[in-house]
Amino acid sequence: MIEDIKEVLVDNKKIEARCEELGKEISKDYQGRLPILVGLLKGSVPFMAELIKHITIQVETEYMVVSSYGGGITSSGEIQIINDLTISPQGRDIIIVEDIVDSGLTLDTIIKLLKYRGASSVEVACLLSKPDARKVEVDVKYLGFDIKNEFVVGFGLDYDQLYRNLPFVGILKEEIYKK
């Protein structure tokens, strides 16, 4: 797998350190409250696992399977909710945990849906953001790193369901996805 990576953008030590900082922020901001962390599967799993280790208040965890990719490298623009929440967001503080904000379309749709369903607040914790790829502006309160508009894999991010288990975020060589 390593030979398919053109460049490591964010190494594991930087990810762990940033998750510790974000965990402290979330703990402070939600002191005395019981937020629900909603991980968007599958990509959010490593980030959410690292993040929750550093949150020192009680939280609930939930997951949604949401897709806007059809196996390619760019968003299809069509958002599909494949698996929904199992508990109601009504009257709750929600923190959506996402691996990357690319176009912003997926997060924009989920934020609007959770607010429509009566969530008291909806914030976003995201490992990566590609500001140059944005089609819809999304406010990310807890951001790991801004990155350039490159196709990245690792730490939950995939190409065709592969590379998620890399312990860092790296740029995938073009010859891999342009076969």
C-alpha atoms as a PDB file:
ATOM      1  CA  MET A   1       0.000   0.000   0.000  1.00  0.00           C
ATOM      2  CA  ILE A   2       2.741   2.451   0.939  1.00  0.00           C
ATOM      3  CA  GLU A   3       4.167   2.312  -2.582  1.00  0.00           C
ATOM      4  CA  ASP A   4       0.855   3.720  -3.900  1.00  0.00           C
ATOM      5  CA  ILE A   5       1.279   6.942  -1.882  1.00  0.00           C
ATOM      6  CA  LYS A   6       2.832   9.951  -3.606  1.00  0.00           C
ATOM      7  CA  GLU A   7       3.226  12.045  -0.432  1.00  0.00           C
ATOM      8  CA  VAL A   8       2.284  11.862   3.246  1.00  0.00           C
ATOM      9  CA  LEU A   9       0.276  15.007   4.059  1.00  0.00           C
ATOM     10  CA  VAL A  10      -0.543  14.446   7.733  1.00  0.00           C
ATOM     11  CA  ASP A  11       1.359  11.873   9.779  1.00  0.00           C
ATOM     12  CA  ASN A  12      -0.075   9.899  12.676  1.00  0.00           C
ATOM     13  CA  LYS A  13       1.621  11.972  15.390  1.00  0.00           C
ATOM     14  CA  LYS A  14       0.043  15.173  14.033  1.00  0.00           C
ATOM     15  CA  ILE A  15      -3.368  13.487  13.830  1.00  0.00           C
ATOM     16  CA  GLU A  16      -3.137  12.238  17.426  1.00  0.00           C
ATOM     17  CA  ALA A  17      -1.986  15.650  18.709  1.00  0.00           C
ATOM     18  CA  ARG A  18      -4.769  17.485  16.887  1.00  0.00           C
ATOM     19  CA  CYS A  19      -7.404  14.999  18.125  1.00  0.00           C
ATOM     20  CA  GLU A  20      -6.204  15.637  21.679  1.00  0.00           C
ATOM     21  CA  GLU A  21      -6.684  19.395  21.172  1.00  0.00           C
ATOM     22  CA  LEU A  22     -10.127  18.918  19.605  1.00  0.00           C
ATOM     23  CA  GLY A  23     -11.172  16.541  22.395  1.00  0.00           C
ATOM     24  CA  LYS A  24     -10.272  19.172  24.996  1.00  0.00           C
ATOM     25  CA  GLU A  25     -12.258  21.829  23.096  1.00  0.00           C
ATOM     26  CA  ILE A  26     -15.328  19.607  22.832  1.00  0.00           C
ATOM     27  CA  SER A  27     -15.080  18.658  26.518  1.00  0.00           C
ATOM     28  CA  LYS A  28     -14.956  22.323  27.503  1.00  0.00           C
ATOM     29  CA  ASP A  29     -17.714  23.439  25.125  1.00  0.00           C
ATOM     30  CA  TYR A  30     -20.141  20.689  26.156  1.00  0.00           C
ATOM     31  CA  GLN A  31     -19.407  20.572  29.895  1.00  0.00           C
ATOM     32  CA  GLY A  32     -22.635  19.705  31.735  1.00  0.00           C
ATOM     33  CA  ARG A  33     -24.352  18.516  28.530  1.00  0.00           C
ATOM     34  CA  LEU A  34     -24.667  15.118  26.877  1.00  0.00           C
ATOM     35  CA  PRO A  35     -23.891  15.496  23.175  1.00  0.00           C
ATOM     36  CA  ILE A  36     -24.360  12.766  20.594  1.00  0.00           C
ATOM     37  CA  LEU A  37     -21.355  12.173  18.360  1.00  0.00           C
ATOM     38  CA  VAL A  38     -22.735  11.047  14.994  1.00  0.00           C
ATOM     39  CA  GLY A  39     -20.056   9.319  12.949  1.00  0.00           C
ATOM     40  CA  LEU A  40     -20.612   9.230   9.216  1.00  0.00           C
ATOM     41  CA  LEU A  41     -19.541   5.772   8.122  1.00  0.00           C
ATOM     42  CA  LYS A  42     -17.291   4.404   6.966  1.00  0.00           C
ATOM     43  CA  GLY A  43     -14.617   7.069   6.738  1.00  0.00           C
ATOM     44  CA  SER A  44     -15.074   8.630  10.168  1.00  0.00           C
ATOM     45  CA  VAL A  45     -14.189   5.492  12.152  1.00  0.00           C
ATOM     46  CA  PRO A  46     -10.438   6.070  12.781  1.00  0.00           C
ATOM     47  CA  PHE A  47     -10.930   9.799  13.424  1.00  0.00           C
ATOM     48  CA  MET A  48     -13.868   9.221  15.770  1.00  0.00           C
ATOM     49  CA  ALA A  49     -11.974   6.470  17.627  1.00  0.00           C
ATOM     50  CA  GLU A  50      -8.989   8.769  18.157  1.00  0.00           C
ATOM     51  CA  LEU A  51     -11.132  11.800  19.010  1.00  0.00           C
ATOM     52  CA  ILE A  52     -13.291  10.151  21.685  1.00  0.00           C
ATOM     53  CA  LYS A  53     -10.178   9.008  23.575  1.00  0.00           C
ATOM     54  CA  HIS A  54      -9.576  12.681  24.363  1.00  0.00           C
ATOM     55  CA  ILE A  55     -13.121  13.741  25.286  1.00  0.00           C
ATOM     56  CA  THR A  56     -13.425  13.806  29.072  1.00  0.00           C
ATOM     57  CA  ILE A  57     -17.195  14.285  29.385  1.00  0.00           C
ATOM     58  CA  GLN A  58     -20.010  11.805  28.852  1.00  0.00           C
ATOM     59  CA  VAL A  59     -21.047  11.440  25.194  1.00  0.00           C
ATOM     60  CA  GLU A  60     -23.314   9.115  23.280  1.00  0.00           C
ATOM     61  CA  THR A  61     -22.242   7.717  19.935  1.00  0.00           C
ATOM     62  CA  GLU A  62     -24.403   7.067  16.895  1.00  0.00           C
ATOM     63  CA  TYR A  63     -23.649   6.337  13.275  1.00  0.00           C
ATOM     64  CA  MET A  64     -25.115   7.034   9.877  1.00  0.00           C
ATOM     65  CA  VAL A  65     -24.152   5.560   6.539  1.00  0.00           C
ATOM     66  CA  VAL A  66     -24.317   8.378   4.019  1.00  0.00           C
ATOM     67  CA  SER A  67     -22.917   8.353   0.519  1.00  0.00           C
ATOM     68  CA  SER A  68     -22.297  10.843  -2.239  1.00  0.00           C
ATOM     69  CA  TYR A  69     -19.638   8.840  -4.067  1.00  0.00           C
ATOM     70  CA  GLY A  70     -20.293   6.093  -6.562  1.00  0.00           C
ATOM     71  CA  GLY A  71     -16.896   4.446  -6.194  1.00  0.00           C
ATOM     72  CA  GLY A  72     -15.079   7.224  -8.063  1.00  0.00           C
ATOM     73  CA  ILE A  73     -12.895  10.060  -6.870  1.00  0.00           C
ATOM     74  CA  THR A  74     -15.427  12.900  -6.998  1.00  0.00           C
ATOM     75  CA  SER A  75     -18.813  13.389  -5.376  1.00  0.00           C
ATOM     76  CA  SER A  76     -21.827  12.426  -7.458  1.00  0.00           C
ATOM     77  CA  GLY A  77     -23.751  15.278  -5.835  1.00  0.00           C
ATOM     78  CA  GLU A  78     -26.586  12.894  -4.945  1.00  0.00           C
ATOM     79  CA  ILE A  79     -26.752  12.230  -1.203  1.00  0.00           C
ATOM     80  CA  GLN A  80     -28.042   8.840  -0.080  1.00  0.00           C
ATOM     81  CA  ILE A  81     -28.819   7.909   3.523  1.00  0.00           C
ATOM     82  CA  ILE A  82     -28.220   4.182   3.606  1.00  0.00           C
ATOM     83  CA  ASN A  83     -28.467   3.704   7.404  1.00  0.00           C
ATOM     84  CA  ASP A  84     -30.099   6.304   9.618  1.00  0.00           C
ATOM     85  CA  LEU A  85     -29.814   7.128  13.327  1.00  0.00           C
ATOM     86  CA  THR A  86     -31.364   4.710  15.795  1.00  0.00           C
ATOM     87  CA  ILE A  87     -32.200   7.435  18.336  1.00  0.00           C
ATOM     88  CA  SER A  88     -34.011  10.720  17.885  1.00  0.00           C
ATOM     89  CA  PRO A  89     -31.971  13.928  17.644  1.00  0.00           C
ATOM     90  CA  GLN A  90     -34.974  15.878  18.992  1.00  0.00           C
ATOM     91  CA  GLY A  91     -33.777  18.337  21.648  1.00  0.00           C
ATOM     92  CA  ARG A  92     -30.202  17.015  21.575  1.00  0.00           C
ATOM     93  CA  ASP A  93     -26.801  18.543  20.909  1.00  0.00           C
ATOM     94  CA  ILE A  94     -25.290  16.791  17.887  1.00  0.00           C
ATOM     95  CA  ILE A  95     -21.660  16.745  16.779  1.00  0.00           C
ATOM     96  CA  ILE A  96     -21.304  15.217  13.321  1.00  0.00           C
ATOM     97  CA  VAL A  97     -17.951  13.437  13.025  1.00  0.00           C
ATOM     98  CA  GLU A  98     -16.679  13.274   9.458  1.00  0.00           C
ATOM     99  CA  ASP A  99     -13.422  12.319   7.795  1.00  0.00           C
ATOM    100  CA  ILE A 100     -13.333  15.064   5.156  1.00  0.00           C
ATOM    101  CA  VAL A 101     -15.312  18.036   3.887  1.00  0.00           C
ATOM    102  CA  ASP A 102     -14.908  18.123   0.148  1.00  0.00           C
ATOM    103  CA  SER A 103     -17.784  19.679  -1.795  1.00  0.00           C
ATOM    104  CA  GLY A 104     -19.744  20.250   1.437  1.00  0.00           C
ATOM    105  CA  LEU A 105     -22.892  18.761  -0.106  1.00  0.00           C
ATOM    106  CA  THR A 106     -23.114  15.729   2.199  1.00  0.00           C
ATOM    107  CA  LEU A 107     -22.590  17.685   5.405  1.00  0.00           C
ATOM    108  CA  ASP A 108     -24.941  20.465   4.331  1.00  0.00           C
ATOM    109  CA  THR A 109     -27.684  17.903   3.721  1.00  0.00           C
ATOM    110  CA  ILE A 110     -27.126  16.071   7.032  1.00  0.00           C
ATOM    111  CA  ILE A 111     -26.952  19.310   9.048  1.00  0.00           C
ATOM    112  CA  LYS A 112     -30.257  20.492   7.552  1.00  0.00           C
ATOM    113  CA  LEU A 113     -31.844  17.078   8.167  1.00  0.00           C
ATOM    114  CA  LEU A 114     -30.814  16.959  11.839  1.00  0.00           C
ATOM    115  CA  LYS A 115     -32.022  20.524  12.427  1.00  0.00           C
ATOM    116  CA  TYR A 116     -35.313  19.667  10.699  1.00  0.00           C
ATOM    117  CA  ARG A 117     -35.622  16.686  13.053  1.00  0.00           C
ATOM    118  CA  GLY A 118     -35.376  19.040  16.035  1.00  0.00           C
ATOM    119  CA  ALA A 119     -31.759  18.893  17.188  1.00  0.00           C
ATOM    120  CA  SER A 120     -30.972  21.688  19.684  1.00  0.00           C
ATOM    121  CA  SER A 121     -27.603  22.272  18.047  1.00  0.00           C
ATOM    122  CA  VAL A 122     -25.589  20.713  15.242  1.00  0.00           C
ATOM    123  CA  GLU A 123     -21.824  21.175  14.973  1.00  0.00           C
ATOM    124  CA  VAL A 124     -19.190  19.432  12.866  1.00  0.00           C
ATOM    125  CA  ALA A 125     -15.916  17.792  13.861  1.00  0.00           C
ATOM    126  CA  CYS A 126     -13.899  16.932  10.791  1.00  0.00           C
ATOM    127  CA  LEU A 127     -10.398  15.599  10.314  1.00  0.00           C
ATOM    128  CA  LEU A 128      -9.785  17.276   6.947  1.00  0.00           C
ATOM    129  CA  SER A 129     -11.183  20.099   4.871  1.00  0.00           C
ATOM    130  CA  LYS A 130     -10.551  20.969   1.217  1.00  0.00           C
ATOM    131  CA  PRO A 131     -11.650  24.621   0.995  1.00  0.00           C
ATOM    132  CA  ASP A 132     -10.834  24.782  -2.729  1.00  0.00           C
ATOM    133  CA  ALA A 133     -13.262  21.929  -3.504  1.00  0.00           C
ATOM    134  CA  ARG A 134     -16.237  23.520  -1.738  1.00  0.00           C
ATOM    135  CA  LYS A 135     -19.552  23.835  -3.620  1.00  0.00           C
ATOM    136  CA  VAL A 136     -21.553  24.631  -0.468  1.00  0.00           C
ATOM    137  CA  GLU A 137     -20.129  26.431   2.557  1.00  0.00           C
ATOM    138  CA  VAL A 138     -20.213  24.353   5.732  1.00  0.00           C
ATOM    139  CA  ASP A 139     -19.160  25.620   9.155  1.00  0.00           C
ATOM    140  CA  VAL A 140     -16.699  23.163  10.708  1.00  0.00           C
ATOM    141  CA  LYS A 141     -16.320  24.085  14.366  1.00  0.00           C
ATOM    142  CA  TYR A 142     -13.767  21.375  15.215  1.00  0.00           C
ATOM    143  CA  LEU A 143     -11.336  21.056  12.307  1.00  0.00           C
ATOM    144  CA  GLY A 144      -8.241  18.921  12.168  1.00  0.00           C
ATOM    145  CA  PHE A 145      -6.458  20.208   9.062  1.00  0.00           C
ATOM    146  CA  ASP A 146      -7.054  22.186   5.883  1.00  0.00           C
ATOM    147  CA  ILE A 147      -5.481  20.443   2.896  1.00  0.00           C
ATOM    148  CA  LYS A 148      -5.005  21.194  -0.768  1.00  0.00           C
ATOM    149  CA  ASN A 149      -7.445  19.819  -3.334  1.00  0.00           C
ATOM    150  CA  GLU A 150      -5.717  16.464  -3.896  1.00  0.00           C
ATOM    151  CA  PHE A 151      -7.145  12.954  -3.807  1.00  0.00           C
ATOM    152  CA  VAL A 152      -6.182  11.641  -0.372  1.00  0.00           C
ATOM    153  CA  VAL A 153      -6.464   8.294   1.362  1.00  0.00           C
ATOM    154  CA  GLY A 154      -5.659   6.862   4.765  1.00  0.00           C
ATOM    155  CA  PHE A 155      -6.940   7.233   8.315  1.00  0.00           C
ATOM    156  CA  GLY A 156     -10.447   6.299   7.148  1.00  0.00           C
ATOM    157  CA  LEU A 157     -10.352   7.846   3.691  1.00  0.00           C
ATOM    158  CA  ASP A 158     -10.541   5.373   0.859  1.00  0.00           C
ATOM    159  CA  TYR A 159     -10.259   4.761  -2.821  1.00  0.00           C
ATOM    160  CA  ASP A 160     -12.667   2.017  -3.877  1.00  0.00           C
ATOM    161  CA  GLN A 161     -12.930   0.860  -0.216  1.00  0.00           C
ATOM    162  CA  LEU A 162      -9.140   0.438   0.080  1.00  0.00           C
ATOM    163  CA  TYR A 163      -6.404   2.334   1.981  1.00  0.00           C
ATOM    164  CA  ARG A 164      -8.636   3.247   4.979  1.00  0.00           C
ATOM    165  CA  ASN A 165      -6.238   1.436   7.330  1.00  0.00           C
ATOM    166  CA  LEU A 166      -3.200   3.592   6.592  1.00  0.00           C
ATOM    167  CA  PRO A 167      -2.159   5.316   9.856  1.00  0.00           C
ATOM    168  CA  PHE A 168      -1.658   8.662   8.075  1.00  0.00           C
ATOM    169  CA  VAL A 169      -3.279  10.780   5.361  1.00  0.00           C
ATOM    170  CA  GLY A 170      -1.486  10.703   2.040  1.00  0.00           C
ATOM    171  CA  ILE A 171      -1.924  11.666  -1.597  1.00  0.00           C
ATOM    172  CA  LEU A 172      -2.693   8.640  -3.749  1.00  0.00           C
ATOM    173  CA  LYS A 173      -0.602   8.338  -6.914  1.00  0.00           C
ATOM    174  CA  GLU A 174      -2.687   9.264  -9.960  1.00  0.00           C
ATOM    175  CA  GLU A 175      -1.798   6.073 -11.829  1.00  0.00           C
ATOM    176  CA  ILE A 176      -3.691   4.102  -9.148  1.00  0.00           C
ATOM    177  CA  TYR A 177      -7.071   5.769  -9.703  1.00  0.00           C
ATOM    178  CA  LYS A 178      -6.704   6.557 -13.408  1.00  0.00           C
ATOM    179  CA  LYS A 179      -6.350   2.914 -14.449  1.00  0.00           C
END
